[in-house]
Full PDB file with SEQRES, HELIX, SHEET, SSBOND, CRYST1, ORIGX, SCALE, CONECT and MASTER records, all heavy atoms in Angstrom:
SEQRES   1 A   28  HIS GLU ILE LEU ARG GLY GLY TYR GLU LYS ALA TYR GLU          
SEQRES   2 A   28  ALA GLY VAL ILE ILE THR GLY GLY HIS THR ILE GLU ASP          
SEQRES   3 A   28  THR GLU                                                      
HELIX    1 AA1 GLU A    2  ALA A   14  1                                  13    
CRYST1    1.000    1.000    1.000  90.00  90.00  90.00 P 1           1          
ORIGX1      1.000000  0.000000  0.000000        0.00000                         
ORIGX2      0.000000  1.000000  0.000000        0.00000                         
ORIGX3      0.000000  0.000000  1.000000        0.00000                         
SCALE1      1.000000  0.000000  0.000000        0.00000                         
SCALE2      0.000000  1.000000  0.000000        0.00000                         
SCALE3      0.000000  0.000000  1.000000        0.00000                         
ATOM      1  N   HIS A   1     104.420  94.090 109.492  1.00  0.00           N  
ATOM      2  CA  HIS A   1     103.333  93.935 108.529  1.00  0.00           C  
ATOM      3  C   HIS A   1     102.413  95.170 108.517  1.00  0.00           C  
ATOM      4  O   HIS A   1     101.959  95.607 107.447  1.00  0.00           O  
ATOM      5  CB  HIS A   1     102.516  92.681 108.844  1.00  0.00           C  
ATOM      6  CG  HIS A   1     103.276  91.425 108.603  1.00  0.00           C  
ATOM      7  ND1 HIS A   1     102.787  90.171 108.982  1.00  0.00           N  
ATOM      8  CD2 HIS A   1     104.469  91.194 108.020  1.00  0.00           C  
ATOM      9  CE1 HIS A   1     103.683  89.237 108.642  1.00  0.00           C  
ATOM     10  NE2 HIS A   1     104.695  89.845 108.066  1.00  0.00           N  
ATOM     11  N   GLU A   2     102.153  95.730 109.707  1.00  0.00           N  
ATOM     12  CA  GLU A   2     101.274  96.885 109.805  1.00  0.00           C  
ATOM     13  C   GLU A   2     101.875  98.100 109.117  1.00  0.00           C  
ATOM     14  O   GLU A   2     101.192  98.877 108.478  1.00  0.00           O  
ATOM     15  CB  GLU A   2     100.954  97.192 111.267  1.00  0.00           C  
ATOM     16  CG  GLU A   2      99.993  96.209 111.920  1.00  0.00           C  
ATOM     17  CD  GLU A   2      98.629  96.210 111.232  1.00  0.00           C  
ATOM     18  OE1 GLU A   2      98.028  97.285 111.116  1.00  0.00           O  
ATOM     19  OE2 GLU A   2      98.192  95.128 110.797  1.00  0.00           O  
ATOM     20  N   ILE A   3     103.191  98.331 109.286  1.00  0.00           N  
ATOM     21  CA  ILE A   3     103.833  99.448 108.607  1.00  0.00           C  
ATOM     22  C   ILE A   3     103.707  99.301 107.089  1.00  0.00           C  
ATOM     23  O   ILE A   3     103.324 100.233 106.376  1.00  0.00           O  
ATOM     24  CB  ILE A   3     105.331  99.531 109.012  1.00  0.00           C  
ATOM     25  CG1 ILE A   3     105.465  99.918 110.494  1.00  0.00           C  
ATOM     26  CG2 ILE A   3     106.069 100.540 108.134  1.00  0.00           C  
ATOM     27  CD1 ILE A   3     106.878  99.811 111.039  1.00  0.00           C  
ATOM     28  N   LEU A   4     103.996  98.093 106.604  1.00  0.00           N  
ATOM     29  CA  LEU A   4     103.901  97.845 105.166  1.00  0.00           C  
ATOM     30  C   LEU A   4     102.474  97.969 104.681  1.00  0.00           C  
ATOM     31  O   LEU A   4     102.211  98.489 103.573  1.00  0.00           O  
ATOM     32  CB  LEU A   4     104.457  96.456 104.840  1.00  0.00           C  
ATOM     33  CG  LEU A   4     105.956  96.282 105.068  1.00  0.00           C  
ATOM     34  CD1 LEU A   4     106.346  94.827 104.900  1.00  0.00           C  
ATOM     35  CD2 LEU A   4     106.760  97.136 104.099  1.00  0.00           C  
ATOM     36  N   ARG A   5     101.526  97.539 105.514  1.00  0.00           N  
ATOM     37  CA  ARG A   5     100.100  97.646 105.122  1.00  0.00           C  
ATOM     38  C   ARG A   5      99.701  99.137 105.024  1.00  0.00           C  
ATOM     39  O   ARG A   5      98.985  99.518 104.108  1.00  0.00           O  
ATOM     40  CB  ARG A   5      99.242  96.926 106.156  1.00  0.00           C  
ATOM     41  CG  ARG A   5      97.753  96.873 105.765  1.00  0.00           C  
ATOM     42  CD  ARG A   5      96.963  96.015 106.745  1.00  0.00           C  
ATOM     43  NE  ARG A   5      97.294  94.617 106.630  1.00  0.00           N  
ATOM     44  CZ  ARG A   5      97.947  93.881 107.522  1.00  0.00           C  
ATOM     45  NH1 ARG A   5      98.308  94.448 108.679  1.00  0.00           N  
ATOM     46  NH2 ARG A   5      98.202  92.624 107.334  1.00  0.00           N  
ATOM     47  N   GLY A   6     100.175  99.957 105.958  1.00  0.00           N  
ATOM     48  CA  GLY A   6      99.858 101.374 105.897  1.00  0.00           C  
ATOM     49  C   GLY A   6     100.450 102.032 104.646  1.00  0.00           C  
ATOM     50  O   GLY A   6      99.762 102.846 103.999  1.00  0.00           O  
ATOM     51  N   GLY A   7     101.666 101.659 104.300  1.00  0.00           N  
ATOM     52  CA  GLY A   7     102.264 102.191 103.070  1.00  0.00           C  
ATOM     53  C   GLY A   7     101.509 101.761 101.843  1.00  0.00           C  
ATOM     54  O   GLY A   7     101.291 102.557 100.907  1.00  0.00           O  
ATOM     55  N   TYR A   8     101.071 100.496 101.829  1.00  0.00           N  
ATOM     56  CA  TYR A   8     100.299 100.003 100.692  1.00  0.00           C  
ATOM     57  C   TYR A   8      98.990 100.744 100.557  1.00  0.00           C  
ATOM     58  O   TYR A   8      98.552 101.046  99.433  1.00  0.00           O  
ATOM     59  CB  TYR A   8     100.017  98.501 100.866  1.00  0.00           C  
ATOM     60  CG  TYR A   8      99.052  97.951  99.853  1.00  0.00           C  
ATOM     61  CD1 TYR A   8      99.483  97.642  98.557  1.00  0.00           C  
ATOM     62  CD2 TYR A   8      97.701  97.759 100.169  1.00  0.00           C  
ATOM     63  CE1 TYR A   8      98.591  97.170  97.596  1.00  0.00           C  
ATOM     64  CE2 TYR A   8      96.822  97.292  99.234  1.00  0.00           C  
ATOM     65  CZ  TYR A   8      97.255  97.002  97.962  1.00  0.00           C  
ATOM     66  OH  TYR A   8      96.367  96.555  97.031  1.00  0.00           O  
ATOM     67  N   GLU A   9      98.324 101.039 101.660  1.00  0.00           N  
ATOM     68  CA  GLU A   9      97.038 101.760 101.603  1.00  0.00           C  
ATOM     69  C   GLU A   9      97.184 103.094 100.885  1.00  0.00           C  
ATOM     70  O   GLU A   9      96.348 103.471 100.056  1.00  0.00           O  
ATOM     71  CB  GLU A   9      96.500 101.990 103.032  1.00  0.00           C  
ATOM     72  CG  GLU A   9      95.973 100.734 103.702  1.00  0.00           C  
ATOM     73  CD  GLU A   9      95.513 101.023 105.127  1.00  0.00           C  
ATOM     74  OE1 GLU A   9      95.674 102.182 105.583  1.00  0.00           O  
ATOM     75  OE2 GLU A   9      95.002 100.103 105.767  1.00  0.00           O  
ATOM     76  N   LYS A  10      98.235 103.848 101.228  1.00  0.00           N  
ATOM     77  CA  LYS A  10      98.441 105.172 100.613  1.00  0.00           C  
ATOM     78  C   LYS A  10      98.847 105.016  99.156  1.00  0.00           C  
ATOM     79  O   LYS A  10      98.441 105.812  98.275  1.00  0.00           O  
ATOM     80  CB  LYS A  10      99.481 105.975 101.382  1.00  0.00           C  
ATOM     81  CG  LYS A  10      98.906 106.676 102.592  1.00  0.00           C  
ATOM     82  CD  LYS A  10      97.916 107.757 102.146  1.00  0.00           C  
ATOM     83  CE  LYS A  10      96.765 107.858 103.106  1.00  0.00           C  
ATOM     84  NZ  LYS A  10      95.776 108.887 102.705  1.00  0.00           N  
ATOM     85  N   ALA A  11      99.667 104.029  98.869  1.00  0.00           N  
ATOM     86  CA  ALA A  11     100.080 103.781  97.492  1.00  0.00           C  
ATOM     87  C   ALA A  11      98.857 103.443  96.630  1.00  0.00           C  
ATOM     88  O   ALA A  11      98.699 103.970  95.506  1.00  0.00           O  
ATOM     89  CB  ALA A  11     101.105 102.666  97.428  1.00  0.00           C  
ATOM     90  N   TYR A  12      97.996 102.597  97.161  1.00  0.00           N  
ATOM     91  CA  TYR A  12      96.789 102.216  96.445  1.00  0.00           C  
ATOM     92  C   TYR A  12      95.896 103.425  96.197  1.00  0.00           C  
ATOM     93  O   TYR A  12      95.364 103.594  95.099  1.00  0.00           O  
ATOM     94  CB  TYR A  12      96.033 101.158  97.253  1.00  0.00           C  
ATOM     95  CG  TYR A  12      94.776 100.635  96.556  1.00  0.00           C  
ATOM     96  CD1 TYR A  12      94.860  99.623  95.615  1.00  0.00           C  
ATOM     97  CD2 TYR A  12      93.523 101.173  96.851  1.00  0.00           C  
ATOM     98  CE1 TYR A  12      93.692  99.145  94.976  1.00  0.00           C  
ATOM     99  CE2 TYR A  12      92.384 100.714  96.227  1.00  0.00           C  
ATOM    100  CZ  TYR A  12      92.481  99.710  95.283  1.00  0.00           C  
ATOM    101  OH  TYR A  12      91.342  99.265  94.668  1.00  0.00           O  
ATOM    102  N   GLU A  13      95.754 104.262  97.224  1.00  0.00           N  
ATOM    103  CA  GLU A  13      94.962 105.502  97.055  1.00  0.00           C  
ATOM    104  C   GLU A  13      95.538 106.390  95.983  1.00  0.00           C  
ATOM    105  O   GLU A  13      94.793 107.051  95.250  1.00  0.00           O  
ATOM    106  CB  GLU A  13      94.896 106.240  98.396  1.00  0.00           C  
ATOM    107  CG  GLU A  13      94.062 107.505  98.370  1.00  0.00           C  
ATOM    108  CD  GLU A  13      94.101 108.240  99.685  1.00  0.00           C  
ATOM    109  OE1 GLU A  13      94.379 107.620 100.728  1.00  0.00           O  
ATOM    110  OE2 GLU A  13      93.853 109.468  99.681  1.00  0.00           O  
ATOM    111  N   ALA A  14      96.849 106.401  95.868  1.00  0.00           N  
ATOM    112  CA  ALA A  14      97.532 107.257  94.873  1.00  0.00           C  
ATOM    113  C   ALA A  14      97.573 106.613  93.476  1.00  0.00           C  
ATOM    114  O   ALA A  14      98.020 107.243  92.525  1.00  0.00           O  
ATOM    115  CB  ALA A  14      98.941 107.578  95.340  1.00  0.00           C  
ATOM    116  N   GLY A  15      97.130 105.363  93.364  1.00  0.00           N  
ATOM    117  CA  GLY A  15      97.213 104.680  92.092  1.00  0.00           C  
ATOM    118  C   GLY A  15      98.606 104.178  91.785  1.00  0.00           C  
ATOM    119  O   GLY A  15      98.991 104.018  90.625  1.00  0.00           O  
ATOM    120  N   VAL A  16      99.368 103.879  92.848  1.00  0.00           N  
ATOM    121  CA  VAL A  16     100.753 103.449  92.700  1.00  0.00           C  
ATOM    122  C   VAL A  16     100.864 101.951  93.018  1.00  0.00           C  
ATOM    123  O   VAL A  16     100.229 101.446  93.947  1.00  0.00           O  
ATOM    124  CB  VAL A  16     101.653 104.232  93.694  1.00  0.00           C  
ATOM    125  CG1 VAL A  16     103.055 103.661  93.735  1.00  0.00           C  
ATOM    126  CG2 VAL A  16     101.696 105.697  93.280  1.00  0.00           C  
ATOM    127  N   ILE A  17     101.656 101.267  92.233  1.00  0.00           N  
ATOM    128  CA  ILE A  17     101.918  99.831  92.453  1.00  0.00           C  
ATOM    129  C   ILE A  17     103.243  99.689  93.180  1.00  0.00           C  
ATOM    130  O   ILE A  17     104.270 100.172  92.697  1.00  0.00           O  
ATOM    131  CB  ILE A  17     101.988  99.083  91.107  1.00  0.00           C  
ATOM    132  CG1 ILE A  17     100.653  99.201  90.344  1.00  0.00           C  
ATOM    133  CG2 ILE A  17     102.306  97.596  91.349  1.00  0.00           C  
ATOM    134  CD1 ILE A  17     100.716  98.665  88.922  1.00  0.00           C  
ATOM    135  N   ILE A  18     103.222  99.045  94.355  1.00  0.00           N  
ATOM    136  CA  ILE A  18     104.477  98.717  95.059  1.00  0.00           C  
ATOM    137  C   ILE A  18     104.990  97.408  94.506  1.00  0.00           C  
ATOM    138  O   ILE A  18     104.352  96.346  94.656  1.00  0.00           O  
ATOM    139  CB  ILE A  18     104.239  98.634  96.571  1.00  0.00           C  
ATOM    140  CG1 ILE A  18     103.857 100.016  97.130  1.00  0.00           C  
ATOM    141  CG2 ILE A  18     105.512  98.128  97.260  1.00  0.00           C  
ATOM    142  CD1 ILE A  18     103.640 100.055  98.621  1.00  0.00           C  
ATOM    143  N   THR A  19     106.151  97.454  93.860  1.00  0.00           N  
ATOM    144  CA  THR A  19     106.640  96.293  93.089  1.00  0.00           C  
ATOM    145  C   THR A  19     107.691  95.493  93.838  1.00  0.00           C  
ATOM    146  O   THR A  19     108.244  94.559  93.285  1.00  0.00           O  
ATOM    147  CB  THR A  19     107.273  96.784  91.753  1.00  0.00           C  
ATOM    148  OG1 THR A  19     108.296  97.717  92.044  1.00  0.00           O  
ATOM    149  CG2 THR A  19     106.210  97.456  90.897  1.00  0.00           C  
ATOM    150  N   GLY A  20     107.966  95.865  95.081  1.00  0.00           N  
ATOM    151  CA  GLY A  20     108.960  95.111  95.860  1.00  0.00           C  
ATOM    152  C   GLY A  20     109.602  96.051  96.866  1.00  0.00           C  
ATOM    153  O   GLY A  20     108.989  97.001  97.338  1.00  0.00           O  
ATOM    154  N   GLY A  21     110.873  95.799  97.172  1.00  0.00           N  
ATOM    155  CA  GLY A  21     111.563  96.674  98.105  1.00  0.00           C  
ATOM    156  C   GLY A  21     112.776  96.005  98.705  1.00  0.00           C  
ATOM    157  O   GLY A  21     113.224  94.960  98.245  1.00  0.00           O  
ATOM    158  N   HIS A  22     113.322  96.620  99.761  1.00  0.00           N  
ATOM    159  CA  HIS A  22     114.487  96.080 100.413  1.00  0.00           C  
ATOM    160  C   HIS A  22     114.434  96.375 101.904  1.00  0.00           C  
ATOM    161  O   HIS A  22     114.086  97.494 102.311  1.00  0.00           O  
ATOM    162  CB  HIS A  22     115.772  96.659  99.808  1.00  0.00           C  
ATOM    163  CG  HIS A  22     117.016  95.986 100.272  1.00  0.00           C  
ATOM    164  ND1 HIS A  22     117.298  94.662 100.036  1.00  0.00           N  
ATOM    165  CD2 HIS A  22     118.076  96.470 101.001  1.00  0.00           C  
ATOM    166  CE1 HIS A  22     118.476  94.346 100.567  1.00  0.00           C  
ATOM    167  NE2 HIS A  22     118.953  95.432 101.182  1.00  0.00           N  
ATOM    168  N   THR A  23     114.794  95.413 102.719  1.00  0.00           N  
ATOM    169  CA  THR A  23     114.780  95.551 104.176  1.00  0.00           C  
ATOM    170  C   THR A  23     116.108  95.135 104.745  1.00  0.00           C  
ATOM    171  O   THR A  23     116.680  94.120 104.306  1.00  0.00           O  
ATOM    172  CB  THR A  23     113.667  94.652 104.780  1.00  0.00           C  
ATOM    173  OG1 THR A  23     112.421  95.012 104.231  1.00  0.00           O  
ATOM    174  CG2 THR A  23     113.594  94.849 106.275  1.00  0.00           C  
ATOM    175  N   ILE A  24     116.612  95.933 105.702  1.00  0.00           N  
ATOM    176  CA  ILE A  24     117.838  95.555 106.399  1.00  0.00           C  
ATOM    177  C   ILE A  24     117.607  95.721 107.908  1.00  0.00           C  
ATOM    178  O   ILE A  24     116.625  96.363 108.338  1.00  0.00           O  
ATOM    179  CB  ILE A  24     119.044  96.421 105.983  1.00  0.00           C  
ATOM    180  CG1 ILE A  24     118.819  97.900 106.323  1.00  0.00           C  
ATOM    181  CG2 ILE A  24     119.358  96.226 104.505  1.00  0.00           C  
ATOM    182  CD1 ILE A  24     120.081  98.749 106.138  1.00  0.00           C  
ATOM    183  N   GLU A  25     118.477  95.133 108.692  1.00  0.00           N  
ATOM    184  CA  GLU A  25     118.360  95.253 110.143  1.00  0.00           C  
ATOM    185  C   GLU A  25     119.086  96.484 110.660  1.00  0.00           C  
ATOM    186  O   GLU A  25     120.168  96.840 110.178  1.00  0.00           O  
ATOM    187  CB  GLU A  25     118.963  93.986 110.778  1.00  0.00           C  
ATOM    188  CG  GLU A  25     118.648  93.867 112.276  1.00  0.00           C  
ATOM    189  CD  GLU A  25     119.147  92.551 112.832  1.00  0.00           C  
ATOM    190  OE1 GLU A  25     118.494  91.523 112.578  1.00  0.00           O  
ATOM    191  OE2 GLU A  25     120.202  92.564 113.502  1.00  0.00           O  
ATOM    192  N   ASP A  26     118.493  97.166 111.599  1.00  0.00           N  
ATOM    193  CA  ASP A  26     119.078  98.375 112.175  1.00  0.00           C  
ATOM    194  C   ASP A  26     118.627  98.488 113.633  1.00  0.00           C  
ATOM    195  O   ASP A  26     117.732  97.753 114.076  1.00  0.00           O  
ATOM    196  CB  ASP A  26     118.636  99.617 111.391  1.00  0.00           C  
ATOM    197  CG  ASP A  26     119.544 100.812 111.595  1.00  0.00           C  
ATOM    198  OD1 ASP A  26     120.442 100.729 112.474  1.00  0.00           O  
ATOM    199  OD2 ASP A  26     119.338 101.853 110.923  1.00  0.00           O  
ATOM    200  N   THR A  27     119.211  99.381 114.380  1.00  0.00           N  
ATOM    201  CA  THR A  27     118.846  99.545 115.783  1.00  0.00           C  
ATOM    202  C   THR A  27     117.487 100.231 115.939  1.00  0.00           C  
ATOM    203  O   THR A  27     116.816 100.089 116.933  1.00  0.00           O  
ATOM    204  CB  THR A  27     119.891 100.378 116.526  1.00  0.00           C  
ATOM    205  OG1 THR A  27     120.060 101.636 115.870  1.00  0.00           O  
ATOM    206  CG2 THR A  27     121.219  99.633 116.566  1.00  0.00           C  
ATOM    207  N   GLU A  28     117.054 100.979 114.893  1.00  0.00           N  
ATOM    208  CA  GLU A  28     115.810 101.704 114.939  1.00  0.00           C  
ATOM    209  C   GLU A  28     115.010 101.441 113.664  1.00  0.00           C  
ATOM    210  O   GLU A  28     115.597 101.464 112.577  1.00  0.00           O  
ATOM    211  CB  GLU A  28     116.061 103.207 115.090  1.00  0.00           C  
ATOM    212  CG  GLU A  28     114.796 104.052 115.239  1.00  0.00           C  
ATOM    213  CD  GLU A  28     115.136 105.522 115.430  1.00  0.00           C  
ATOM    214  OE1 GLU A  28     116.160 105.978 114.946  1.00  0.00           O  
ATOM    215  OE2 GLU A  28     114.330 106.226 116.077  1.00  0.00           O  
TER     216      GLU A  28                                                      
MASTER        0    0    0    1    0    0    0    6  215    1    0    3          
END                                                                             
């Protein structure tokens, strides 16, 4: 949640709307 929150903060500052996304499982 914190990673996504940080991304949202910068997007908001840039005037960008995050409309969704995709997540998969990985070792890192």
